Amino acid sequence: MIRCLEDLYAAVKEKEVKSIAVAVAEDEAIIKLVKQATQKGIARFILTGDAKRIEELLRHEGLDPSDFEIHNCPSHKEAAEKAVSLVVQGKAHLVMKGELQTALFLKALLDKEKGLRGGNLISQITVTEKPEGDGLLMFTDCAMNIAPTLEEKKQLIENAVGLAMRLGYAQPKVAVLSAVEVVNPAMPDTMDAAILSKMAERGQIANALVDGPFALDNAISVAAAKQKKIGGPVAGQADIVLVPNLQVGNAIHKGLTYLSQKKVAAAVVGAKVPIVMTSRADTTDTKLYSIAIATYVS
């Protein structure tokens, strides 16, 4: 079981080193990240994009271009399609977004004929460490799904539960987040939380304990849950927190990084393989943890 993000580095090294196809790698920050991940031994990289520029950047970082498989692609569209095709053909295990627009990357990724579309919703999961005790704490969705419906929330939970199980959490505890911890018909998020809890109770959401609604404090703090007299196995002990919408999730992700200086990783799941897709504003540690978590669960 992975109990902290730093554990990922050692855990990854115990498995086969995975190859990551990078879509549009001709960027200084991307090549610096490739260098650091390579030095840590957590992944190998196949680079697509402007081959001449990629080679220049590799040399600038003291790397030998001959140590890398590089595919010259004249446009970002072709680089994204090439990176995805390398995974489809089994020549790479994972795909990573480089210096291109997210929409262009996702278009290649989700192409119905040549992409990596899976059977579930594509979703993002922010992974950090619990403030109380040990273990990982996940928030979803913090980057991709804007205002998920009830059915989409079910899929977001299933995606996060799948990731948690691959990290060693046999029956993760899922807290469905709202502003309050009581069901209020005037607040649709609380109604969804109650329905999702009952769905899990009836076996419609498997391999997890789901409860809600919870405010954030009583989802992750045992003391806060006790003070408000909220019981149950999830209260104060959540492994996964389902946020009601993108605004809340995005604020939590950035708050963890910039207000709390917490260790954070970002995982994108729901496709046929995990996806490495971080923000340019993310810290280097966040990007490295994101690579490590994707390679570990792939």
C-alpha atoms as a PDB file:
ATOM      1  CA  MET A   1       0.000   0.000   0.000  1.00  0.00           C
ATOM      2  CA  ILE A   2       1.325   3.435  -0.971  1.00  0.00           C
ATOM      3  CA  ARG A   3       1.103   5.563   2.191  1.00  0.00           C
ATOM      4  CA  CYS A   4       2.835   8.737   0.984  1.00  0.00           C
ATOM      5  CA  LEU A   5       3.798  10.185  -2.381  1.00  0.00           C
ATOM      6  CA  GLU A   6       7.511   9.740  -1.758  1.00  0.00           C
ATOM      7  CA  ASP A   7       6.893   5.961  -1.514  1.00  0.00           C
ATOM      8  CA  LEU A   8       6.002   5.968  -5.208  1.00  0.00           C
ATOM      9  CA  TYR A   9       9.616   6.374  -6.303  1.00  0.00           C
ATOM     10  CA  ALA A  10      10.799   3.210  -4.568  1.00  0.00           C
ATOM     11  CA  ALA A  11       7.655   1.301  -5.570  1.00  0.00           C
ATOM     12  CA  VAL A  12       8.058   2.187  -9.255  1.00  0.00           C
ATOM     13  CA  LYS A  13      11.656   0.961  -9.264  1.00  0.00           C
ATOM     14  CA  GLU A  14      10.493  -2.483  -8.122  1.00  0.00           C
ATOM     15  CA  LYS A  15       8.480  -2.851 -11.338  1.00  0.00           C
ATOM     16  CA  GLU A  16       9.314  -2.802 -15.032  1.00  0.00           C
ATOM     17  CA  VAL A  17      10.365   0.680 -16.127  1.00  0.00           C
ATOM     18  CA  LYS A  18       7.594   2.033 -18.343  1.00  0.00           C
ATOM     19  CA  SER A  19       7.944   4.046 -21.546  1.00  0.00           C
ATOM     20  CA  ILE A  20       6.069   7.329 -21.852  1.00  0.00           C
ATOM     21  CA  ALA A  21       5.318   8.901 -25.243  1.00  0.00           C
ATOM     22  CA  VAL A  22       5.459  12.685 -24.912  1.00  0.00           C
ATOM     23  CA  ALA A  23       3.280  14.697 -27.292  1.00  0.00           C
ATOM     24  CA  VAL A  24       5.168  17.857 -28.365  1.00  0.00           C
ATOM     25  CA  ALA A  25       8.382  17.655 -26.360  1.00  0.00           C
ATOM     26  CA  GLU A  26      10.199  20.701 -27.797  1.00  0.00           C
ATOM     27  CA  ASP A  27       9.923  22.745 -24.626  1.00  0.00           C
ATOM     28  CA  GLU A  28      12.619  23.548 -22.079  1.00  0.00           C
ATOM     29  CA  ALA A  29      10.430  22.717 -19.076  1.00  0.00           C
ATOM     30  CA  ILE A  30       9.374  19.386 -20.604  1.00  0.00           C
ATOM     31  CA  ILE A  31      12.968  18.358 -21.337  1.00  0.00           C
ATOM     32  CA  LYS A  32      14.059  19.346 -17.814  1.00  0.00           C
ATOM     33  CA  LEU A  33      11.256  17.136 -16.473  1.00  0.00           C
ATOM     34  CA  VAL A  34      12.300  14.271 -18.760  1.00  0.00           C
ATOM     35  CA  LYS A  35      15.856  14.625 -17.448  1.00  0.00           C
ATOM     36  CA  GLN A  36      14.786  14.533 -13.800  1.00  0.00           C
ATOM     37  CA  ALA A  37      12.423  11.589 -14.251  1.00  0.00           C
ATOM     38  CA  THR A  38      15.079   9.685 -16.190  1.00  0.00           C
ATOM     39  CA  GLN A  39      17.673  10.342 -13.490  1.00  0.00           C
ATOM     40  CA  LYS A  40      15.234   9.094 -10.837  1.00  0.00           C
ATOM     41  CA  GLY A  41      14.722   5.930 -12.871  1.00  0.00           C
ATOM     42  CA  ILE A  42      10.931   6.189 -12.845  1.00  0.00           C
ATOM     43  CA  ALA A  43      10.325   6.176 -16.616  1.00  0.00           C
ATOM     44  CA  ARG A  44      11.795   6.088 -20.109  1.00  0.00           C
ATOM     45  CA  PHE A  45      10.660   8.599 -22.699  1.00  0.00           C
ATOM     46  CA  ILE A  46       9.814   8.605 -26.391  1.00  0.00           C
ATOM     47  CA  LEU A  47       9.686  12.168 -27.691  1.00  0.00           C
ATOM     48  CA  THR A  48       7.522  13.514 -30.516  1.00  0.00           C
ATOM     49  CA  GLY A  49       7.575  16.955 -32.118  1.00  0.00           C
ATOM     50  CA  ASP A  50      10.240  19.137 -33.722  1.00  0.00           C
ATOM     51  CA  ALA A  51      13.169  16.706 -33.667  1.00  0.00           C
ATOM     52  CA  LYS A  52      15.851  19.342 -34.271  1.00  0.00           C
ATOM     53  CA  ARG A  53      14.635  21.518 -31.405  1.00  0.00           C
ATOM     54  CA  ILE A  54      14.212  18.497 -29.118  1.00  0.00           C
ATOM     55  CA  GLU A  55      17.800  17.435 -29.793  1.00  0.00           C
ATOM     56  CA  GLU A  56      19.056  20.965 -29.065  1.00  0.00           C
ATOM     57  CA  LEU A  57      17.226  21.032 -25.734  1.00  0.00           C
ATOM     58  CA  LEU A  58      18.477  17.577 -24.778  1.00  0.00           C
ATOM     59  CA  ARG A  59      22.077  18.621 -25.415  1.00  0.00           C
ATOM     60  CA  HIS A  60      21.528  21.815 -23.439  1.00  0.00           C
ATOM     61  CA  GLU A  61      20.498  19.659 -20.468  1.00  0.00           C
ATOM     62  CA  GLY A  62      23.569  17.473 -20.877  1.00  0.00           C
ATOM     63  CA  LEU A  63      21.635  14.565 -22.351  1.00  0.00           C
ATOM     64  CA  ASP A  64      22.609  12.522 -25.404  1.00  0.00           C
ATOM     65  CA  PRO A  65      19.836  12.597 -28.042  1.00  0.00           C
ATOM     66  CA  SER A  66      20.884   9.109 -29.187  1.00  0.00           C
ATOM     67  CA  ASP A  67      19.650   7.791 -25.829  1.00  0.00           C
ATOM     68  CA  PHE A  68      16.098   8.744 -26.789  1.00  0.00           C
ATOM     69  CA  GLU A  69      13.671   7.620 -29.469  1.00  0.00           C
ATOM     70  CA  ILE A  70      12.619  10.829 -31.216  1.00  0.00           C
ATOM     71  CA  HIS A  71       9.858  11.139 -33.816  1.00  0.00           C
ATOM     72  CA  ASN A  72       9.897  14.259 -35.982  1.00  0.00           C
ATOM     73  CA  CYS A  73       6.388  15.681 -36.410  1.00  0.00           C
ATOM     74  CA  PRO A  74       5.836  18.975 -38.257  1.00  0.00           C
ATOM     75  CA  SER A  75       2.699  19.972 -36.336  1.00  0.00           C
ATOM     76  CA  HIS A  76       1.304  19.657 -32.825  1.00  0.00           C
ATOM     77  CA  LYS A  77      -1.622  17.670 -34.201  1.00  0.00           C
ATOM     78  CA  GLU A  78       0.685  15.092 -35.775  1.00  0.00           C
ATOM     79  CA  ALA A  79       2.849  14.930 -32.650  1.00  0.00           C
ATOM     80  CA  ALA A  80      -0.195  14.223 -30.479  1.00  0.00           C
ATOM     81  CA  GLU A  81      -1.469  11.583 -32.884  1.00  0.00           C
ATOM     82  CA  LYS A  82       1.980   9.975 -33.043  1.00  0.00           C
ATOM     83  CA  ALA A  83       2.308   9.824 -29.261  1.00  0.00           C
ATOM     84  CA  VAL A  84      -1.100   8.184 -28.961  1.00  0.00           C
ATOM     85  CA  SER A  85      -0.357   5.742 -31.797  1.00  0.00           C
ATOM     86  CA  LEU A  86       2.839   4.615 -30.056  1.00  0.00           C
ATOM     87  CA  VAL A  87       0.724   3.503 -27.100  1.00  0.00           C
ATOM     88  CA  VAL A  88      -1.919   1.892 -29.325  1.00  0.00           C
ATOM     89  CA  GLN A  89       0.829  -0.075 -31.104  1.00  0.00           C
ATOM     90  CA  GLY A  90       2.334  -1.213 -27.804  1.00  0.00           C
ATOM     91  CA  LYS A  91       5.572   0.728 -28.324  1.00  0.00           C
ATOM     92  CA  ALA A  92       4.908   2.915 -25.270  1.00  0.00           C
ATOM     93  CA  HIS A  93       2.995   2.210 -22.076  1.00  0.00           C
ATOM     94  CA  LEU A  94       1.699   5.712 -21.361  1.00  0.00           C
ATOM     95  CA  VAL A  95       1.129   9.060 -23.013  1.00  0.00           C
ATOM     96  CA  MET A  96       2.054  12.467 -21.621  1.00  0.00           C
ATOM     97  CA  LYS A  97       0.915  15.931 -22.654  1.00  0.00           C
ATOM     98  CA  GLY A  98       3.781  18.176 -23.668  1.00  0.00           C
ATOM     99  CA  GLU A  99       3.712  21.773 -24.878  1.00  0.00           C
ATOM    100  CA  LEU A 100       0.414  21.789 -26.786  1.00  0.00           C
ATOM    101  CA  GLN A 101      -3.164  22.851 -26.218  1.00  0.00           C
ATOM    102  CA  THR A 102      -5.135  20.498 -23.989  1.00  0.00           C
ATOM    103  CA  ALA A 103      -8.032  20.343 -26.459  1.00  0.00           C
ATOM    104  CA  LEU A 104      -5.716  19.202 -29.262  1.00  0.00           C
ATOM    105  CA  PHE A 105      -4.139  16.575 -27.023  1.00  0.00           C
ATOM    106  CA  LEU A 106      -7.508  15.228 -25.884  1.00  0.00           C
ATOM    107  CA  LYS A 107      -8.830  15.135 -29.454  1.00  0.00           C
ATOM    108  CA  ALA A 108      -6.041  12.734 -30.434  1.00  0.00           C
ATOM    109  CA  LEU A 109      -6.385  10.802 -27.203  1.00  0.00           C
ATOM    110  CA  LEU A 110     -10.141  10.274 -27.518  1.00  0.00           C
ATOM    111  CA  ASP A 111     -10.350   9.596 -31.258  1.00  0.00           C
ATOM    112  CA  LYS A 112     -12.918   6.800 -31.615  1.00  0.00           C
ATOM    113  CA  GLU A 113     -10.903   4.885 -34.213  1.00  0.00           C
ATOM    114  CA  LYS A 114      -7.254   5.607 -33.390  1.00  0.00           C
ATOM    115  CA  GLY A 115      -7.332   6.861 -29.815  1.00  0.00           C
ATOM    116  CA  LEU A 116      -7.249   5.464 -26.295  1.00  0.00           C
ATOM    117  CA  ARG A 117     -10.852   6.018 -25.309  1.00  0.00           C
ATOM    118  CA  GLY A 118     -11.941   3.568 -22.608  1.00  0.00           C
ATOM    119  CA  GLY A 119     -15.405   2.605 -21.457  1.00  0.00           C
ATOM    120  CA  ASN A 120     -15.648   5.214 -18.715  1.00  0.00           C
ATOM    121  CA  LEU A 121     -15.546   8.973 -18.323  1.00  0.00           C
ATOM    122  CA  ILE A 122     -12.075  10.545 -18.511  1.00  0.00           C
ATOM    123  CA  SER A 123     -11.408  12.225 -15.187  1.00  0.00           C
ATOM    124  CA  GLN A 124      -8.693  13.905 -13.158  1.00  0.00           C
ATOM    125  CA  ILE A 125      -7.734  12.980  -9.605  1.00  0.00           C
ATOM    126  CA  THR A 126      -5.619  15.162  -7.332  1.00  0.00           C
ATOM    127  CA  VAL A 127      -3.627  12.977  -4.946  1.00  0.00           C
ATOM    128  CA  THR A 128      -2.119  14.333  -1.728  1.00  0.00           C
ATOM    129  CA  GLU A 129      -1.405  13.028   1.777  1.00  0.00           C
ATOM    130  CA  LYS A 130      -3.875  12.853   4.640  1.00  0.00           C
ATOM    131  CA  PRO A 131      -3.653  15.623   7.227  1.00  0.00           C
ATOM    132  CA  GLU A 132      -4.358  13.093   9.983  1.00  0.00           C
ATOM    133  CA  GLY A 133      -2.740   9.659  10.195  1.00  0.00           C
ATOM    134  CA  ASP A 134      -1.001   8.158   7.197  1.00  0.00           C
ATOM    135  CA  GLY A 135      -2.225   7.344   3.726  1.00  0.00           C
ATOM    136  CA  LEU A 136      -3.155   9.145   0.542  1.00  0.00           C
ATOM    137  CA  LEU A 137      -6.111  11.468   0.096  1.00  0.00           C
ATOM    138  CA  MET A 138      -7.694  11.946  -3.329  1.00  0.00           C
ATOM    139  CA  PHE A 139      -9.947  14.688  -4.690  1.00  0.00           C
ATOM    140  CA  THR A 140     -11.885  14.309  -7.930  1.00  0.00           C
ATOM    141  CA  ASP A 141     -12.520  15.957 -10.358  1.00  0.00           C
ATOM    142  CA  CYS A 142     -10.241  18.981 -10.080  1.00  0.00           C
ATOM    143  CA  ALA A 143      -9.462  19.678 -13.737  1.00  0.00           C
ATOM    144  CA  MET A 144     -11.688  18.148 -16.400  1.00  0.00           C
ATOM    145  CA  ASN A 145     -15.406  17.640 -15.717  1.00  0.00           C
ATOM    146  CA  ILE A 146     -17.127  20.980 -15.177  1.00  0.00           C
ATOM    147  CA  ALA A 147     -20.534  20.179 -13.671  1.00  0.00           C
ATOM    148  CA  PRO A 148     -20.944  16.398 -13.506  1.00  0.00           C
ATOM    149  CA  THR A 149     -24.399  14.846 -13.528  1.00  0.00           C
ATOM    150  CA  LEU A 150     -25.390  12.166 -11.032  1.00  0.00           C
ATOM    151  CA  GLU A 151     -24.367   9.407 -13.453  1.00  0.00           C
ATOM    152  CA  GLU A 152     -21.086  11.164 -14.174  1.00  0.00           C
ATOM    153  CA  LYS A 153     -20.420  11.503 -10.443  1.00  0.00           C
ATOM    154  CA  LYS A 154     -20.886   7.746 -10.149  1.00  0.00           C
ATOM    155  CA  GLN A 155     -18.269   7.256 -12.870  1.00  0.00           C
ATOM    156  CA  LEU A 156     -15.912   9.727 -11.185  1.00  0.00           C
ATOM    157  CA  ILE A 157     -16.163   7.680  -7.992  1.00  0.00           C
ATOM    158  CA  GLU A 158     -15.545   4.448  -9.899  1.00  0.00           C
ATOM    159  CA  ASN A 159     -12.455   5.905 -11.579  1.00  0.00           C
ATOM    160  CA  ALA A 160     -11.050   7.116  -8.266  1.00  0.00           C
ATOM    161  CA  VAL A 161     -11.833   3.820  -6.532  1.00  0.00           C
ATOM    162  CA  GLY A 162     -10.024   1.965  -9.321  1.00  0.00           C
ATOM    163  CA  LEU A 163      -6.944   4.138  -8.829  1.00  0.00           C
ATOM    164  CA  ALA A 164      -7.070   3.768  -5.047  1.00  0.00           C
ATOM    165  CA  MET A 165      -7.301  -0.009  -5.296  1.00  0.00           C
ATOM    166  CA  ARG A 166      -4.240  -0.133  -7.558  1.00  0.00           C
ATOM    167  CA  LEU A 167      -2.417   1.871  -4.906  1.00  0.00           C
ATOM    168  CA  GLY A 168      -3.313  -0.744  -2.298  1.00  0.00           C
ATOM    169  CA  TYR A 169      -6.554   0.574  -0.767  1.00  0.00           C
ATOM    170  CA  ALA A 170      -8.812  -2.492  -0.745  1.00  0.00           C
ATOM    171  CA  GLN A 171     -12.098  -0.733   0.082  1.00  0.00           C
ATOM    172  CA  PRO A 172     -11.566   3.018  -0.101  1.00  0.00           C
ATOM    173  CA  LYS A 173     -13.806   5.381   1.830  1.00  0.00           C
ATOM    174  CA  VAL A 174     -15.488   7.977  -0.364  1.00  0.00           C
ATOM    175  CA  ALA A 175     -16.907  11.230   0.996  1.00  0.00           C
ATOM    176  CA  VAL A 176     -19.290  13.132  -1.281  1.00  0.00           C
ATOM    177  CA  LEU A 177     -18.609  16.815  -0.689  1.00  0.00           C
ATOM    178  CA  SER A 178     -21.035  19.685  -0.266  1.00  0.00           C
ATOM    179  CA  ALA A 179     -21.138  22.830   1.869  1.00  0.00           C
ATOM    180  CA  VAL A 180     -23.152  21.094   4.593  1.00  0.00           C
ATOM    181  CA  GLU A 181     -23.508  17.602   6.018  1.00  0.00           C
ATOM    182  CA  VAL A 182     -27.298  17.309   5.904  1.00  0.00           C
ATOM    183  CA  VAL A 183     -29.581  16.608   2.956  1.00  0.00           C
ATOM    184  CA  ASN A 184     -31.286  19.793   1.785  1.00  0.00           C
ATOM    185  CA  PRO A 185     -33.637  19.662  -1.237  1.00  0.00           C
ATOM    186  CA  ALA A 186     -32.661  23.256  -2.040  1.00  0.00           C
ATOM    187  CA  MET A 187     -29.036  22.121  -2.523  1.00  0.00           C
ATOM    188  CA  PRO A 188     -28.857  19.584  -5.386  1.00  0.00           C
ATOM    189  CA  ASP A 189     -25.326  18.499  -4.402  1.00  0.00           C
ATOM    190  CA  THR A 190     -26.651  17.154  -1.102  1.00  0.00           C
ATOM    191  CA  MET A 191     -29.373  15.207  -2.907  1.00  0.00           C
ATOM    192  CA  ASP A 192     -26.797  13.654  -5.242  1.00  0.00           C
ATOM    193  CA  ALA A 193     -24.673  12.736  -2.228  1.00  0.00           C
ATOM    194  CA  ALA A 194     -27.554  10.928  -0.565  1.00  0.00           C
ATOM    195  CA  ILE A 195     -28.400   9.049  -3.757  1.00  0.00           C
ATOM    196  CA  LEU A 196     -24.774   8.024  -4.355  1.00  0.00           C
ATOM    197  CA  SER A 197     -24.549   6.769  -0.770  1.00  0.00           C
ATOM    198  CA  LYS A 198     -27.634   4.616  -1.256  1.00  0.00           C
ATOM    199  CA  MET A 199     -26.363   3.368  -4.630  1.00  0.00           C
ATOM    200  CA  ALA A 200     -23.181   2.152  -2.959  1.00  0.00           C
ATOM    201  CA  GLU A 201     -25.181   0.558  -0.164  1.00  0.00           C
ATOM    202  CA  ARG A 202     -27.201  -1.378  -2.766  1.00  0.00           C
ATOM    203  CA  GLY A 203     -24.112  -2.491  -4.694  1.00  0.00           C
ATOM    204  CA  GLN A 204     -24.451  -0.102  -7.635  1.00  0.00           C
ATOM    205  CA  ILE A 205     -21.017   1.305  -6.763  1.00  0.00           C
ATOM    206  CA  ALA A 206     -18.655  -1.548  -5.948  1.00  0.00           C
ATOM    207  CA  ASN A 207     -15.558  -1.932  -3.782  1.00  0.00           C
ATOM    208  CA  ALA A 208     -16.052   1.262  -1.785  1.00  0.00           C
ATOM    209  CA  LEU A 209     -17.787   2.765   1.221  1.00  0.00           C
ATOM    210  CA  VAL A 210     -19.604   5.890   0.038  1.00  0.00           C
ATOM    211  CA  ASP A 211     -21.278   8.424   2.321  1.00  0.00           C
ATOM    212  CA  GLY A 212     -22.409  12.005   2.187  1.00  0.00           C
ATOM    213  CA  PRO A 213     -23.075  14.814   2.088  1.00  0.00           C
ATOM    214  CA  PHE A 214     -20.037  16.007   4.016  1.00  0.00           C
ATOM    215  CA  ALA A 215     -18.532  19.431   4.453  1.00  0.00           C
ATOM    216  CA  LEU A 216     -14.779  19.233   3.911  1.00  0.00           C
ATOM    217  CA  ASP A 217     -13.831  19.413   7.589  1.00  0.00           C
ATOM    218  CA  ASN A 218     -15.908  16.433   8.669  1.00  0.00           C
ATOM    219  CA  ALA A 219     -14.863  14.430   5.611  1.00  0.00           C
ATOM    220  CA  ILE A 220     -11.161  14.493   6.483  1.00  0.00           C
ATOM    221  CA  SER A 221     -10.988  15.327  10.214  1.00  0.00           C
ATOM    222  CA  VAL A 222     -12.127  12.811  12.841  1.00  0.00           C
ATOM    223  CA  ALA A 223     -12.253  15.578  15.451  1.00  0.00           C
ATOM    224  CA  ALA A 224     -14.505  17.762  13.276  1.00  0.00           C
ATOM    225  CA  ALA A 225     -16.818  14.830  12.554  1.00  0.00           C
ATOM    226  CA  LYS A 226     -17.097  13.993  16.269  1.00  0.00           C
ATOM    227  CA  GLN A 227     -17.760  17.612  17.175  1.00  0.00           C
ATOM    228  CA  LYS A 228     -20.695  17.684  14.757  1.00  0.00           C
ATOM    229  CA  LYS A 229     -21.808  14.202  15.907  1.00  0.00           C
ATOM    230  CA  ILE A 230     -21.428  12.714  12.440  1.00  0.00           C
ATOM    231  CA  GLY A 231     -20.856   8.976  12.593  1.00  0.00           C
ATOM    232  CA  GLY A 232     -20.155   6.179  10.156  1.00  0.00           C
ATOM    233  CA  PRO A 233     -17.015   4.597   8.727  1.00  0.00           C
ATOM    234  CA  VAL A 234     -16.322   7.425   6.259  1.00  0.00           C
ATOM    235  CA  ALA A 235     -16.727  10.447   8.550  1.00  0.00           C
ATOM    236  CA  GLY A 236     -13.360  12.083   9.117  1.00  0.00           C
ATOM    237  CA  GLN A 237     -11.548   9.199   7.416  1.00  0.00           C
ATOM    238  CA  ALA A 238     -12.116   9.686   3.690  1.00  0.00           C
ATOM    239  CA  ASP A 239      -9.609   8.271   1.226  1.00  0.00           C
ATOM    240  CA  ILE A 240     -11.454   9.901  -1.687  1.00  0.00           C
ATOM    241  CA  VAL A 241     -13.413  13.156  -1.752  1.00  0.00           C
ATOM    242  CA  LEU A 242     -15.827  13.683  -4.650  1.00  0.00           C
ATOM    243  CA  VAL A 243     -16.155  17.429  -5.241  1.00  0.00           C
ATOM    244  CA  PRO A 244     -19.438  18.822  -6.609  1.00  0.00           C
ATOM    245  CA  ASN A 245     -17.965  20.730  -9.551  1.00  0.00           C
ATOM    246  CA  LEU A 246     -14.804  21.918 -11.258  1.00  0.00           C
ATOM    247  CA  GLN A 247     -14.698  25.261  -9.439  1.00  0.00           C
ATOM    248  CA  VAL A 248     -14.463  23.549  -6.053  1.00  0.00           C
ATOM    249  CA  GLY A 249     -11.983  20.951  -7.273  1.00  0.00           C
ATOM    250  CA  ASN A 250      -9.720  23.475  -8.969  1.00  0.00           C
ATOM    251  CA  ALA A 251      -9.659  25.658  -5.850  1.00  0.00           C
ATOM    252  CA  ILE A 252      -8.767  22.655  -3.687  1.00  0.00           C
ATOM    253  CA  HIS A 253      -5.946  21.581  -6.023  1.00  0.00           C
ATOM    254  CA  LYS A 254      -4.415  25.057  -6.130  1.00  0.00           C
ATOM    255  CA  GLY A 255      -5.019  25.621  -2.418  1.00  0.00           C
ATOM    256  CA  LEU A 256      -3.117  22.460  -1.555  1.00  0.00           C
ATOM    257  CA  THR A 257      -0.183  23.647  -3.646  1.00  0.00           C
ATOM    258  CA  TYR A 258      -0.051  27.380  -2.982  1.00  0.00           C
ATOM    259  CA  LEU A 259      -1.633  27.843   0.460  1.00  0.00           C
ATOM    260  CA  SER A 260      -0.616  24.644   2.218  1.00  0.00           C
ATOM    261  CA  GLN A 261       2.526  23.739   0.245  1.00  0.00           C
ATOM    262  CA  LYS A 262       1.333  20.128   0.316  1.00  0.00           C
ATOM    263  CA  LYS A 263       2.807  17.382  -1.816  1.00  0.00           C
ATOM    264  CA  VAL A 264       0.440  16.815  -4.725  1.00  0.00           C
ATOM    265  CA  ALA A 265       0.176  14.540  -7.756  1.00  0.00           C
ATOM    266  CA  ALA A 266      -2.327  14.626 -10.604  1.00  0.00           C
ATOM    267  CA  ALA A 267      -3.666  11.479 -12.252  1.00  0.00           C
ATOM    268  CA  VAL A 268      -5.872  11.340 -15.347  1.00  0.00           C
ATOM    269  CA  VAL A 269      -7.762   8.072 -15.653  1.00  0.00           C
ATOM    270  CA  GLY A 270     -10.640   6.515 -17.563  1.00  0.00           C
ATOM    271  CA  ALA A 271      -8.753   5.928 -20.822  1.00  0.00           C
ATOM    272  CA  LYS A 272      -7.163   2.604 -21.760  1.00  0.00           C
ATOM    273  CA  VAL A 273      -3.951   3.731 -20.035  1.00  0.00           C
ATOM    274  CA  PRO A 274      -3.205   6.366 -17.377  1.00  0.00           C
ATOM    275  CA  ILE A 275      -2.370   9.804 -18.766  1.00  0.00           C
ATOM    276  CA  VAL A 276       0.229  12.279 -17.531  1.00  0.00           C
ATOM    277  CA  MET A 277      -1.327  15.716 -17.942  1.00  0.00           C
ATOM    278  CA  THR A 278      -0.122  18.417 -15.573  1.00  0.00           C
ATOM    279  CA  SER A 279      -0.292  22.204 -15.660  1.00  0.00           C
ATOM    280  CA  ARG A 280       2.687  24.399 -16.489  1.00  0.00           C
ATOM    281  CA  ALA A 281       2.036  26.093 -13.140  1.00  0.00           C
ATOM    282  CA  ASP A 282       2.427  22.825 -11.220  1.00  0.00           C
ATOM    283  CA  THR A 283       5.631  22.397  -9.239  1.00  0.00           C
ATOM    284  CA  THR A 284       8.391  20.102 -10.440  1.00  0.00           C
ATOM    285  CA  ASP A 285       7.637  17.736  -7.559  1.00  0.00           C
ATOM    286  CA  THR A 286       3.974  17.578  -8.587  1.00  0.00           C
ATOM    287  CA  LYS A 287       4.982  16.705 -12.146  1.00  0.00           C
ATOM    288  CA  LEU A 288       7.412  14.003 -10.987  1.00  0.00           C
ATOM    289  CA  TYR A 289       4.887  12.496  -8.572  1.00  0.00           C
ATOM    290  CA  SER A 290       2.328  12.521 -11.406  1.00  0.00           C
ATOM    291  CA  ILE A 291       4.698  10.583 -13.658  1.00  0.00           C
ATOM    292  CA  ALA A 292       5.454   8.143 -10.841  1.00  0.00           C
ATOM    293  CA  ILE A 293       1.810   7.467 -10.005  1.00  0.00           C
ATOM    294  CA  ALA A 294       0.911   6.927 -13.671  1.00  0.00           C
ATOM    295  CA  THR A 295       3.773   4.504 -14.248  1.00  0.00           C
ATOM    296  CA  TYR A 296       3.059   2.642 -11.004  1.00  0.00           C
ATOM    297  CA  VAL A 297      -0.605   1.932 -11.786  1.00  0.00           C
ATOM    298  CA  SER A 298      -0.188   1.269 -15.525  1.00  0.00           C
END
